[in-house]
Amino acid sequence: MCETMDQAGREEKIEAVRRLIEVMRPAVQSDGGDLLLKDVDTDSGIIEVELQGACSSCAISTSTIKLGVERILKSKLNWVKEVRGQVEEVEDITFSASLGRGSYIPVRR
């Protein structure tokens, strides 16, 4: 019975994160990108998100994740400790630019 309550609590936390991500998505979409929820670790309080589209190549994508997404999630959900983000890798510059204000900038390796 206790294990079921723990699972229900985890599902409740995940749903709370999903709802907040859905509230934030229109702002990201207005710049030609998108914000996807990749993982929620309810035990550690670590949330993983991905920026897509024009936002994946934006120079301030890290700031969007840390100063935007993380700040909002931490202020609304006291159990959230950190938000980690990744960006979608888009190889086609024309496609990336067509998504909005940003464009893919190849990284030299």
PDB file of N, CA and C in Angstrom:
ATOM      1  N   MET A   1       0.827  -1.198   0.000  1.00  0.00           N
ATOM      2  CA  MET A   1       0.000   0.000   0.000  1.00  0.00           C
ATOM      3  C   MET A   1       0.867   1.256   0.000  1.00  0.00           C
ATOM      4  N   CYS A   2       1.909   1.265   0.816  1.00  0.00           N
ATOM      5  CA  CYS A   2       2.798   2.425   0.897  1.00  0.00           C
ATOM      6  C   CYS A   2       3.492   2.668  -0.434  1.00  0.00           C
ATOM      7  N   GLU A   3       3.895   1.573  -1.101  1.00  0.00           N
ATOM      8  CA  GLU A   3       4.559   1.699  -2.393  1.00  0.00           C
ATOM      9  C   GLU A   3       3.633   2.340  -3.418  1.00  0.00           C
ATOM     10  N   THR A   4       2.339   1.988  -3.388  1.00  0.00           N
ATOM     11  CA  THR A   4       1.362   2.578  -4.285  1.00  0.00           C
ATOM     12  C   THR A   4       1.237   4.068  -4.024  1.00  0.00           C
ATOM     13  N   MET A   5       1.246   4.450  -2.760  1.00  0.00           N
ATOM     14  CA  MET A   5       1.166   5.868  -2.435  1.00  0.00           C
ATOM     15  C   MET A   5       2.408   6.599  -2.931  1.00  0.00           C
ATOM     16  N   ASP A   6       3.574   5.959  -2.819  1.00  0.00           N
ATOM     17  CA  ASP A   6       4.795   6.571  -3.326  1.00  0.00           C
ATOM     18  C   ASP A   6       4.713   6.771  -4.834  1.00  0.00           C
ATOM     19  N   GLN A   7       4.211   5.764  -5.549  1.00  0.00           N
ATOM     20  CA  GLN A   7       4.064   5.862  -7.006  1.00  0.00           C
ATOM     21  C   GLN A   7       3.063   6.958  -7.354  1.00  0.00           C
ATOM     22  N   ALA A   8       1.986   7.035  -6.616  1.00  0.00           N
ATOM     23  CA  ALA A   8       0.990   8.083  -6.856  1.00  0.00           C
ATOM     24  C   ALA A   8       1.600   9.463  -6.613  1.00  0.00           C
ATOM     25  N   GLY A   9       2.430   9.576  -5.596  1.00  0.00           N
ATOM     26  CA  GLY A   9       3.099  10.847  -5.321  1.00  0.00           C
ATOM     27  C   GLY A   9       4.052  11.239  -6.435  1.00  0.00           C
ATOM     28  N   ARG A  10       4.779  10.254  -6.963  1.00  0.00           N
ATOM     29  CA  ARG A  10       5.693  10.523  -8.087  1.00  0.00           C
ATOM     30  C   ARG A  10       4.906  10.981  -9.312  1.00  0.00           C
ATOM     31  N   GLU A  11       3.820  10.288  -9.596  1.00  0.00           N
ATOM     32  CA  GLU A  11       3.003  10.646 -10.761  1.00  0.00           C
ATOM     33  C   GLU A  11       2.408  12.041 -10.613  1.00  0.00           C
ATOM     34  N   GLU A  12       2.039  12.394  -9.397  1.00  0.00           N
ATOM     35  CA  GLU A  12       1.508  13.729  -9.133  1.00  0.00           C
ATOM     36  C   GLU A  12       2.577  14.802  -9.387  1.00  0.00           C
ATOM     37  N   LYS A  13       3.804  14.538  -8.957  1.00  0.00           N
ATOM     38  CA  LYS A  13       4.904  15.481  -9.189  1.00  0.00           C
ATOM     39  C   LYS A  13       5.203  15.619 -10.684  1.00  0.00           C
ATOM     40  N   ILE A  14       5.232  14.508 -11.398  1.00  0.00           N
ATOM     41  CA  ILE A  14       5.503  14.540 -12.835  1.00  0.00           C
ATOM     42  C   ILE A  14       4.412  15.324 -13.557  1.00  0.00           C
ATOM     43  N   GLU A  15       3.180  15.111 -13.181  1.00  0.00           N
ATOM     44  CA  GLU A  15       2.072  15.839 -13.815  1.00  0.00           C
ATOM     45  C   GLU A  15       2.164  17.334 -13.533  1.00  0.00           C
ATOM     46  N   ALA A  16       2.594  17.710 -12.338  1.00  0.00           N
ATOM     47  CA  ALA A  16       2.765  19.127 -12.010  1.00  0.00           C
ATOM     48  C   ALA A  16       3.828  19.761 -12.901  1.00  0.00           C
ATOM     49  N   VAL A  17       4.923  19.030 -13.160  1.00  0.00           N
ATOM     50  CA  VAL A  17       5.974  19.537 -14.052  1.00  0.00           C
ATOM     51  C   VAL A  17       5.419  19.659 -15.469  1.00  0.00           C
ATOM     52  N   ARG A  18       4.701  18.658 -15.929  1.00  0.00           N
ATOM     53  CA  ARG A  18       4.112  18.703 -17.289  1.00  0.00           C
ATOM     54  C   ARG A  18       3.209  19.918 -17.468  1.00  0.00           C
ATOM     55  N   ARG A  19       2.376  20.186 -16.463  1.00  0.00           N
ATOM     56  CA  ARG A  19       1.467  21.342 -16.556  1.00  0.00           C
ATOM     57  C   ARG A  19       2.249  22.646 -16.669  1.00  0.00           C
ATOM     58  N   LEU A  20       3.306  22.789 -15.875  1.00  0.00           N
ATOM     59  CA  LEU A  20       4.096  24.023 -15.937  1.00  0.00           C
ATOM     60  C   LEU A  20       4.841  24.153 -17.260  1.00  0.00           C
ATOM     61  N   ILE A  21       5.355  23.052 -17.784  1.00  0.00           N
ATOM     62  CA  ILE A  21       6.026  23.086 -19.089  1.00  0.00           C
ATOM     63  C   ILE A  21       5.038  23.545 -20.153  1.00  0.00           C
ATOM     64  N   GLU A  22       3.806  23.052 -20.095  1.00  0.00           N
ATOM     65  CA  GLU A  22       2.779  23.449 -21.072  1.00  0.00           C
ATOM     66  C   GLU A  22       2.464  24.941 -20.977  1.00  0.00           C
ATOM     67  N   VAL A  23       2.552  25.504 -19.789  1.00  0.00           N
ATOM     68  CA  VAL A  23       2.336  26.947 -19.615  1.00  0.00           C
ATOM     69  C   VAL A  23       3.480  27.735 -20.253  1.00  0.00           C
ATOM     70  N   MET A  24       4.711  27.201 -20.172  1.00  0.00           N
ATOM     71  CA  MET A  24       5.892  27.900 -20.704  1.00  0.00           C
ATOM     72  C   MET A  24       6.054  27.753 -22.219  1.00  0.00           C
ATOM     73  N   ARG A  25       5.568  26.671 -22.788  1.00  0.00           N
ATOM     74  CA  ARG A  25       5.801  26.367 -24.202  1.00  0.00           C
ATOM     75  C   ARG A  25       5.382  27.488 -25.160  1.00  0.00           C
ATOM     76  N   PRO A  26       4.237  28.143 -24.981  1.00  0.00           N
ATOM     77  CA  PRO A  26       3.860  29.189 -25.943  1.00  0.00           C
ATOM     78  C   PRO A  26       4.891  30.315 -26.070  1.00  0.00           C
ATOM     79  N   ALA A  27       5.549  30.670 -24.974  1.00  0.00           N
ATOM     80  CA  ALA A  27       6.574  31.717 -25.037  1.00  0.00           C
ATOM     81  C   ALA A  27       7.752  31.262 -25.892  1.00  0.00           C
ATOM     82  N   VAL A  28       8.157  30.019 -25.750  1.00  0.00           N
ATOM     83  CA  VAL A  28       9.265  29.472 -26.535  1.00  0.00           C
ATOM     84  C   VAL A  28       8.829  29.302 -27.991  1.00  0.00           C
ATOM     85  N   GLN A  29       7.614  28.841 -28.195  1.00  0.00           N
ATOM     86  CA  GLN A  29       7.094  28.648 -29.548  1.00  0.00           C
ATOM     87  C   GLN A  29       6.964  29.964 -30.300  1.00  0.00           C
ATOM     88  N   SER A  30       6.714  31.050 -29.596  1.00  0.00           N
ATOM     89  CA  SER A  30       6.583  32.351 -30.259  1.00  0.00           C
ATOM     90  C   SER A  30       7.900  32.808 -30.872  1.00  0.00           C
ATOM     91  N   ASP A  31       9.004  32.223 -30.432  1.00  0.00           N
ATOM     92  CA  ASP A  31      10.315  32.534 -31.007  1.00  0.00           C
ATOM     93  C   ASP A  31      10.755  31.472 -32.013  1.00  0.00           C
ATOM     94  N   GLY A  32       9.842  30.592 -32.402  1.00  0.00           N
ATOM     95  CA  GLY A  32      10.164  29.593 -33.417  1.00  0.00           C
ATOM     96  C   GLY A  32      10.751  28.312 -32.874  1.00  0.00           C
ATOM     97  N   GLY A  33      10.622  28.097 -31.595  1.00  0.00           N
ATOM     98  CA  GLY A  33      11.183  26.887 -31.002  1.00  0.00           C
ATOM     99  C   GLY A  33      10.137  26.087 -30.270  1.00  0.00           C
ATOM    100  N   ASP A  34      10.609  25.207 -29.441  1.00  0.00           N
ATOM    101  CA  ASP A  34       9.709  24.419 -28.605  1.00  0.00           C
ATOM    102  C   ASP A  34      10.477  23.941 -27.381  1.00  0.00           C
ATOM    103  N   LEU A  35       9.749  23.610 -26.345  1.00  0.00           N
ATOM    104  CA  LEU A  35      10.295  23.140 -25.090  1.00  0.00           C
ATOM    105  C   LEU A  35       9.662  21.792 -24.784  1.00  0.00           C
ATOM    106  N   LEU A  36      10.493  20.765 -24.695  1.00  0.00           N
ATOM    107  CA  LEU A  36       9.993  19.423 -24.413  1.00  0.00           C
ATOM    108  C   LEU A  36      10.525  18.919 -23.086  1.00  0.00           C
ATOM    109  N   LEU A  37       9.678  18.233 -22.375  1.00  0.00           N
ATOM    110  CA  LEU A  37      10.069  17.593 -21.130  1.00  0.00           C
ATOM    111  C   LEU A  37      10.661  16.237 -21.468  1.00  0.00           C
ATOM    112  N   LYS A  38      11.905  15.991 -21.065  1.00  0.00           N
ATOM    113  CA  LYS A  38      12.583  14.732 -21.376  1.00  0.00           C
ATOM    114  C   LYS A  38      12.563  13.756 -20.206  1.00  0.00           C
ATOM    115  N   ASP A  39      12.757  14.241 -18.976  1.00  0.00           N
ATOM    116  CA  ASP A  39      12.817  13.332 -17.842  1.00  0.00           C
ATOM    117  C   ASP A  39      12.538  14.090 -16.548  1.00  0.00           C
ATOM    118  N   VAL A  40      11.926  13.396 -15.609  1.00  0.00           N
ATOM    119  CA  VAL A  40      11.681  13.938 -14.271  1.00  0.00           C
ATOM    120  C   VAL A  40      12.154  12.897 -13.270  1.00  0.00           C
ATOM    121  N   ASP A  41      13.149  13.263 -12.475  1.00  0.00           N
ATOM    122  CA  ASP A  41      13.616  12.392 -11.401  1.00  0.00           C
ATOM    123  C   ASP A  41      13.062  12.972 -10.105  1.00  0.00           C
ATOM    124  N   THR A  42      11.970  12.405  -9.650  1.00  0.00           N
ATOM    125  CA  THR A  42      11.307  12.945  -8.463  1.00  0.00           C
ATOM    126  C   THR A  42      12.106  12.731  -7.189  1.00  0.00           C
ATOM    127  N   ASP A  43      13.002  11.754  -7.188  1.00  0.00           N
ATOM    128  CA  ASP A  43      13.822  11.500  -5.992  1.00  0.00           C
ATOM    129  C   ASP A  43      14.926  12.540  -5.834  1.00  0.00           C
ATOM    130  N   SER A  44      15.613  12.866  -6.933  1.00  0.00           N
ATOM    131  CA  SER A  44      16.719  13.829  -6.863  1.00  0.00           C
ATOM    132  C   SER A  44      16.263  15.268  -7.092  1.00  0.00           C
ATOM    133  N   GLY A  45      15.083  15.448  -7.674  1.00  0.00           N
ATOM    134  CA  GLY A  45      14.603  16.800  -7.986  1.00  0.00           C
ATOM    135  C   GLY A  45      15.209  17.362  -9.248  1.00  0.00           C
ATOM    136  N   ILE A  46      15.727  16.510 -10.116  1.00  0.00           N
ATOM    137  CA  ILE A  46      16.356  16.962 -11.362  1.00  0.00           C
ATOM    138  C   ILE A  46      15.389  16.749 -12.526  1.00  0.00           C
ATOM    139  N   ILE A  47      15.177  17.824 -13.273  1.00  0.00           N
ATOM    140  CA  ILE A  47      14.301  17.816 -14.445  1.00  0.00           C
ATOM    141  C   ILE A  47      15.173  17.998 -15.678  1.00  0.00           C
ATOM    142  N   GLU A  48      14.897  17.243 -16.723  1.00  0.00           N
ATOM    143  CA  GLU A  48      15.619  17.396 -17.984  1.00  0.00           C
ATOM    144  C   GLU A  48      14.650  17.843 -19.059  1.00  0.00           C
ATOM    145  N   VAL A  49      15.058  18.896 -19.796  1.00  0.00           N
ATOM    146  CA  VAL A  49      14.248  19.441 -20.880  1.00  0.00           C
ATOM    147  C   VAL A  49      15.095  19.540 -22.142  1.00  0.00           C
ATOM    148  N   GLU A  50      14.426  19.752 -23.264  1.00  0.00           N
ATOM    149  CA  GLU A  50      15.125  19.950 -24.530  1.00  0.00           C
ATOM    150  C   GLU A  50      14.514  21.143 -25.246  1.00  0.00           C
ATOM    151  N   LEU A  51      15.377  22.027 -25.727  1.00  0.00           N
ATOM    152  CA  LEU A  51      14.945  23.126 -26.583  1.00  0.00           C
ATOM    153  C   LEU A  51      15.064  22.670 -28.023  1.00  0.00           C
ATOM    154  N   GLN A  52      14.041  22.948 -28.820  1.00  0.00           N
ATOM    155  CA  GLN A  52      14.045  22.540 -30.222  1.00  0.00           C
ATOM    156  C   GLN A  52      13.822  23.740 -31.125  1.00  0.00           C
ATOM    157  N   GLY A  53      13.991  23.491 -32.420  1.00  0.00           N
ATOM    158  CA  GLY A  53      13.743  24.530 -33.411  1.00  0.00           C
ATOM    159  C   GLY A  53      14.740  25.661 -33.299  1.00  0.00           C
ATOM    160  N   ALA A  54      14.257  26.865 -33.528  1.00  0.00           N
ATOM    161  CA  ALA A  54      15.128  28.038 -33.502  1.00  0.00           C
ATOM    162  C   ALA A  54      15.790  28.219 -32.139  1.00  0.00           C
ATOM    163  N   CYS A  55      15.138  27.775 -31.094  1.00  0.00           N
ATOM    164  CA  CYS A  55      15.695  27.924 -29.745  1.00  0.00           C
ATOM    165  C   CYS A  55      16.896  27.022 -29.510  1.00  0.00           C
ATOM    166  N   SER A  56      17.029  25.972 -30.309  1.00  0.00           N
ATOM    167  CA  SER A  56      18.151  25.059 -30.097  1.00  0.00           C
ATOM    168  C   SER A  56      19.477  25.686 -30.509  1.00  0.00           C
ATOM    169  N   SER A  57      19.424  26.689 -31.361  1.00  0.00           N
ATOM    170  CA  SER A  57      20.668  27.321 -31.805  1.00  0.00           C
ATOM    171  C   SER A  57      20.802  28.754 -31.306  1.00  0.00           C
ATOM    172  N   CYS A  58      19.887  29.161 -30.471  1.00  0.00           N
ATOM    173  CA  CYS A  58      19.914  30.520 -29.947  1.00  0.00           C
ATOM    174  C   CYS A  58      21.096  30.692 -28.998  1.00  0.00           C
ATOM    175  N   ALA A  59      21.715  31.849 -29.058  1.00  0.00           N
ATOM    176  CA  ALA A  59      22.878  32.128 -28.214  1.00  0.00           C
ATOM    177  C   ALA A  59      22.535  32.150 -26.727  1.00  0.00           C
ATOM    178  N   ILE A  60      21.270  32.367 -26.397  1.00  0.00           N
ATOM    179  CA  ILE A  60      20.903  32.431 -24.984  1.00  0.00           C
ATOM    180  C   ILE A  60      20.077  31.210 -24.546  1.00  0.00           C
ATOM    181  N   SER A  61      20.245  30.096 -25.233  1.00  0.00           N
ATOM    182  CA  SER A  61      19.473  28.903 -24.871  1.00  0.00           C
ATOM    183  C   SER A  61      19.777  28.444 -23.445  1.00  0.00           C
ATOM    184  N   THR A  62      21.017  28.543 -23.011  1.00  0.00           N
ATOM    185  CA  THR A  62      21.366  28.164 -21.641  1.00  0.00           C
ATOM    186  C   THR A  62      20.663  29.081 -20.645  1.00  0.00           C
ATOM    187  N   SER A  63      20.602  30.358 -20.962  1.00  0.00           N
ATOM    188  CA  SER A  63      19.896  31.301 -20.090  1.00  0.00           C
ATOM    189  C   SER A  63      18.411  31.002 -20.054  1.00  0.00           C
ATOM    190  N   THR A  64      17.846  30.627 -21.186  1.00  0.00           N
ATOM    191  CA  THR A  64      16.424  30.270 -21.229  1.00  0.00           C
ATOM    192  C   THR A  64      16.151  29.115 -20.277  1.00  0.00           C
ATOM    193  N   ILE A  65      17.028  28.134 -20.288  1.00  0.00           N
ATOM    194  CA  ILE A  65      16.840  26.972 -19.417  1.00  0.00           C
ATOM    195  C   ILE A  65      17.052  27.340 -17.951  1.00  0.00           C
ATOM    196  N   LYS A  66      18.161  28.003 -17.647  1.00  0.00           N
ATOM    197  CA  LYS A  66      18.495  28.280 -16.247  1.00  0.00           C
ATOM    198  C   LYS A  66      17.682  29.440 -15.665  1.00  0.00           C
ATOM    199  N   LEU A  67      17.615  30.552 -16.378  1.00  0.00           N
ATOM    200  CA  LEU A  67      16.956  31.738 -15.827  1.00  0.00           C
ATOM    201  C   LEU A  67      15.459  31.763 -16.097  1.00  0.00           C
ATOM    202  N   GLY A  68      15.005  30.929 -17.010  1.00  0.00           N
ATOM    203  CA  GLY A  68      13.581  30.860 -17.312  1.00  0.00           C
ATOM    204  C   GLY A  68      12.958  29.614 -16.746  1.00  0.00           C
ATOM    205  N   VAL A  69      13.211  28.497 -17.401  1.00  0.00           N
ATOM    206  CA  VAL A  69      12.568  27.234 -17.045  1.00  0.00           C
ATOM    207  C   VAL A  69      12.899  26.831 -15.604  1.00  0.00           C
ATOM    208  N   GLU A  70      14.172  26.814 -15.256  1.00  0.00           N
ATOM    209  CA  GLU A  70      14.563  26.394 -13.904  1.00  0.00           C
ATOM    210  C   GLU A  70      13.989  27.330 -12.842  1.00  0.00           C
ATOM    211  N   ARG A  71      14.072  28.619 -13.075  1.00  0.00           N
ATOM    212  CA  ARG A  71      13.567  29.590 -12.100  1.00  0.00           C
ATOM    213  C   ARG A  71      12.074  29.381 -11.852  1.00  0.00           C
ATOM    214  N   ILE A  72      11.316  29.185 -12.914  1.00  0.00           N
ATOM    215  CA  ILE A  72       9.866  29.002 -12.764  1.00  0.00           C
ATOM    216  C   ILE A  72       9.551  27.688 -12.053  1.00  0.00           C
ATOM    217  N   LEU A  73      10.190  26.602 -12.492  1.00  0.00           N
ATOM    218  CA  LEU A  73       9.902  25.309 -11.868  1.00  0.00           C
ATOM    219  C   LEU A  73      10.283  25.304 -10.390  1.00  0.00           C
ATOM    220  N   LYS A  74      11.434  25.867 -10.056  1.00  0.00           N
ATOM    221  CA  LYS A  74      11.875  25.882  -8.661  1.00  0.00           C
ATOM    222  C   LYS A  74      10.976  26.769  -7.799  1.00  0.00           C
ATOM    223  N   SER A  75      10.466  27.844  -8.376  1.00  0.00           N
ATOM    224  CA  SER A  75       9.603  28.738  -7.592  1.00  0.00           C
ATOM    225  C   SER A  75       8.217  28.141  -7.354  1.00  0.00           C
ATOM    226  N   LYS A  76       7.772  27.277  -8.251  1.00  0.00           N
ATOM    227  CA  LYS A  76       6.435  26.683  -8.131  1.00  0.00           C
ATOM    228  C   LYS A  76       6.439  25.309  -7.458  1.00  0.00           C
ATOM    229  N   LEU A  77       7.547  24.591  -7.581  1.00  0.00           N
ATOM    230  CA  LEU A  77       7.635  23.230  -7.047  1.00  0.00           C
ATOM    231  C   LEU A  77       8.858  23.143  -6.139  1.00  0.00           C
ATOM    232  N   ASN A  78       8.645  23.168  -4.842  1.00  0.00           N
ATOM    233  CA  ASN A  78       9.763  23.259  -3.899  1.00  0.00           C
ATOM    234  C   ASN A  78      10.682  22.046  -3.912  1.00  0.00           C
ATOM    235  N   TRP A  79      10.288  20.947  -4.499  1.00  0.00           N
ATOM    236  CA  TRP A  79      11.124  19.740  -4.554  1.00  0.00           C
ATOM    237  C   TRP A  79      12.095  19.745  -5.731  1.00  0.00           C
ATOM    238  N   VAL A  80      11.914  20.680  -6.687  1.00  0.00           N
ATOM    239  CA  VAL A  80      12.812  20.757  -7.845  1.00  0.00           C
ATOM    240  C   VAL A  80      14.122  21.400  -7.417  1.00  0.00           C
ATOM    241  N   LYS A  81      15.238  20.704  -7.687  1.00  0.00           N
ATOM    242  CA  LYS A  81      16.564  21.186  -7.296  1.00  0.00           C
ATOM    243  C   LYS A  81      17.345  21.757  -8.475  1.00  0.00           C
ATOM    244  N   GLU A  82      17.131  21.193  -9.672  1.00  0.00           N
ATOM    245  CA  GLU A  82      17.917  21.616 -10.833  1.00  0.00           C
ATOM    246  C   GLU A  82      17.175  21.260 -12.116  1.00  0.00           C
ATOM    247  N   VAL A  83      17.357  22.103 -13.132  1.00  0.00           N
ATOM    248  CA  VAL A  83      16.854  21.800 -14.468  1.00  0.00           C
ATOM    249  C   VAL A  83      18.056  21.717 -15.384  1.00  0.00           C
ATOM    250  N   ARG A  84      18.169  20.589 -16.061  1.00  0.00           N
ATOM    251  CA  ARG A  84      19.245  20.379 -17.022  1.00  0.00           C
ATOM    252  C   ARG A  84      18.638  20.413 -18.408  1.00  0.00           C
ATOM    253  N   GLY A  85      19.366  21.008 -19.325  1.00  0.00           N
ATOM    254  CA  GLY A  85      18.811  21.130 -20.666  1.00  0.00           C
ATOM    255  C   GLY A  85      19.758  20.687 -21.739  1.00  0.00           C
ATOM    256  N   GLN A  86      19.165  20.300 -22.808  1.00  0.00           N
ATOM    257  CA  GLN A  86      19.915  19.971 -24.008  1.00  0.00           C
ATOM    258  C   GLN A  86      19.218  20.664 -25.164  1.00  0.00           C
ATOM    259  N   VAL A  87      19.903  20.734 -26.277  1.00  0.00           N
ATOM    260  CA  VAL A  87      19.308  21.333 -27.459  1.00  0.00           C
ATOM    261  C   VAL A  87      19.269  20.301 -28.573  1.00  0.00           C
ATOM    262  N   GLU A  88      18.253  20.420 -29.367  1.00  0.00           N
ATOM    263  CA  GLU A  88      18.114  19.551 -30.522  1.00  0.00           C
ATOM    264  C   GLU A  88      19.205  19.912 -31.517  1.00  0.00           C
ATOM    265  N   GLU A  89      19.896  18.937 -32.043  1.00  0.00           N
ATOM    266  CA  GLU A  89      20.932  19.209 -33.031  1.00  0.00           C
ATOM    267  C   GLU A  89      20.335  19.149 -34.421  1.00  0.00           C
ATOM    268  N   VAL A  90      20.400  20.280 -35.103  1.00  0.00           N
ATOM    269  CA  VAL A  90      19.851  20.400 -36.449  1.00  0.00           C
ATOM    270  C   VAL A  90      21.008  20.667 -37.395  1.00  0.00           C
ATOM    271  N   GLU A  91      21.155  19.833 -38.382  1.00  0.00           N
ATOM    272  CA  GLU A  91      22.259  19.977 -39.334  1.00  0.00           C
ATOM    273  C   GLU A  91      21.934  20.922 -40.485  1.00  0.00           C
ATOM    274  N   ASP A  92      20.658  21.070 -40.806  1.00  0.00           N
ATOM    275  CA  ASP A  92      20.250  21.849 -41.968  1.00  0.00           C
ATOM    276  C   ASP A  92      20.036  23.312 -41.573  1.00  0.00           C
ATOM    277  N   ILE A  93      20.946  24.194 -41.983  1.00  0.00           N
ATOM    278  CA  ILE A  93      20.896  25.611 -41.625  1.00  0.00           C
ATOM    279  C   ILE A  93      19.615  26.259 -42.127  1.00  0.00           C
ATOM    280  N   THR A  94      19.203  25.956 -43.354  1.00  0.00           N
ATOM    281  CA  THR A  94      17.999  26.543 -43.938  1.00  0.00           C
ATOM    282  C   THR A  94      16.768  26.139 -43.140  1.00  0.00           C
ATOM    283  N   PHE A  95      16.679  24.865 -42.808  1.00  0.00           N
ATOM    284  CA  PHE A  95      15.539  24.389 -42.023  1.00  0.00           C
ATOM    285  C   PHE A  95      15.504  25.068 -40.663  1.00  0.00           C
ATOM    286  N   SER A  96      16.628  25.122 -39.990  1.00  0.00           N
ATOM    287  CA  SER A  96      16.689  25.734 -38.671  1.00  0.00           C
ATOM    288  C   SER A  96      16.296  27.206 -38.730  1.00  0.00           C
ATOM    289  N   ALA A  97      16.808  27.923 -39.717  1.00  0.00           N
ATOM    290  CA  ALA A  97      16.496  29.346 -39.852  1.00  0.00           C
ATOM    291  C   ALA A  97      15.020  29.562 -40.146  1.00  0.00           C
ATOM    292  N   SER A  98      14.410  28.623 -40.861  1.00  0.00           N
ATOM    293  CA  SER A  98      12.999  28.770 -41.212  1.00  0.00           C
ATOM    294  C   SER A  98      12.079  28.620 -40.004  1.00  0.00           C
ATOM    295  N   LEU A  99      12.577  28.075 -38.923  1.00  0.00           N
ATOM    296  CA  LEU A  99      11.759  27.842 -37.743  1.00  0.00           C
ATOM    297  C   LEU A  99      11.510  29.109 -36.934  1.00  0.00           C
ATOM    298  N   GLY A 100      12.320  30.119 -37.134  1.00  0.00           N
ATOM    299  CA  GLY A 100      12.130  31.337 -36.352  1.00  0.00           C
ATOM    300  C   GLY A 100      13.316  32.254 -36.466  1.00  0.00           C
ATOM    301  N   ARG A 101      13.567  33.001 -35.411  1.00  0.00           N
ATOM    302  CA  ARG A 101      14.611  34.029 -35.431  1.00  0.00           C
ATOM    303  C   ARG A 101      16.018  33.471 -35.378  1.00  0.00           C
ATOM    304  N   GLY A 102      16.195  32.288 -34.822  1.00  0.00           N
ATOM    305  CA  GLY A 102      17.540  31.704 -34.691  1.00  0.00           C
ATOM    306  C   GLY A 102      17.904  30.882 -35.901  1.00  0.00           C
ATOM    307  N   SER A 103      19.104  30.400 -35.904  1.00  0.00           N
ATOM    308  CA  SER A 103      19.528  29.470 -36.945  1.00  0.00           C
ATOM    309  C   SER A 103      20.645  28.614 -36.387  1.00  0.00           C
ATOM    310  N   TYR A 104      20.824  27.458 -36.969  1.00  0.00           N
ATOM    311  CA  TYR A 104      21.849  26.526 -36.523  1.00  0.00           C
ATOM    312  C   TYR A 104      23.230  27.085 -36.824  1.00  0.00           C
ATOM    313  N   ILE A 105      24.096  27.035 -35.866  1.00  0.00           N
ATOM    314  CA  ILE A 105      25.474  27.459 -36.063  1.00  0.00           C
ATOM    315  C   ILE A 105      26.341  26.250 -35.832  1.00  0.00           C
ATOM    316  N   PRO A 106      26.992  25.752 -36.869  1.00  0.00           N
ATOM    317  CA  PRO A 106      27.794  24.528 -36.711  1.00  0.00           C
ATOM    318  C   PRO A 106      28.906  24.724 -35.684  1.00  0.00           C
ATOM    319  N   VAL A 107      29.155  23.692 -34.930  1.00  0.00           N
ATOM    320  CA  VAL A 107      30.207  23.713 -33.927  1.00  0.00           C
ATOM    321  C   VAL A 107      31.407  22.984 -34.510  1.00  0.00           C
ATOM    322  N   ARG A 108      32.562  23.597 -34.463  1.00  0.00           N
ATOM    323  CA  ARG A 108      33.791  22.958 -34.958  1.00  0.00           C
ATOM    324  C   ARG A 108      34.283  21.980 -33.913  1.00  0.00           C
ATOM    325  N   ARG A 109      34.541  20.747 -34.322  1.00  0.00           N
ATOM    326  CA  ARG A 109      35.023  19.745 -33.360  1.00  0.00           C
ATOM    327  C   ARG A 109      36.380  19.273 -33.743  1.00  0.00           C
TER     328      ARG A 109
END
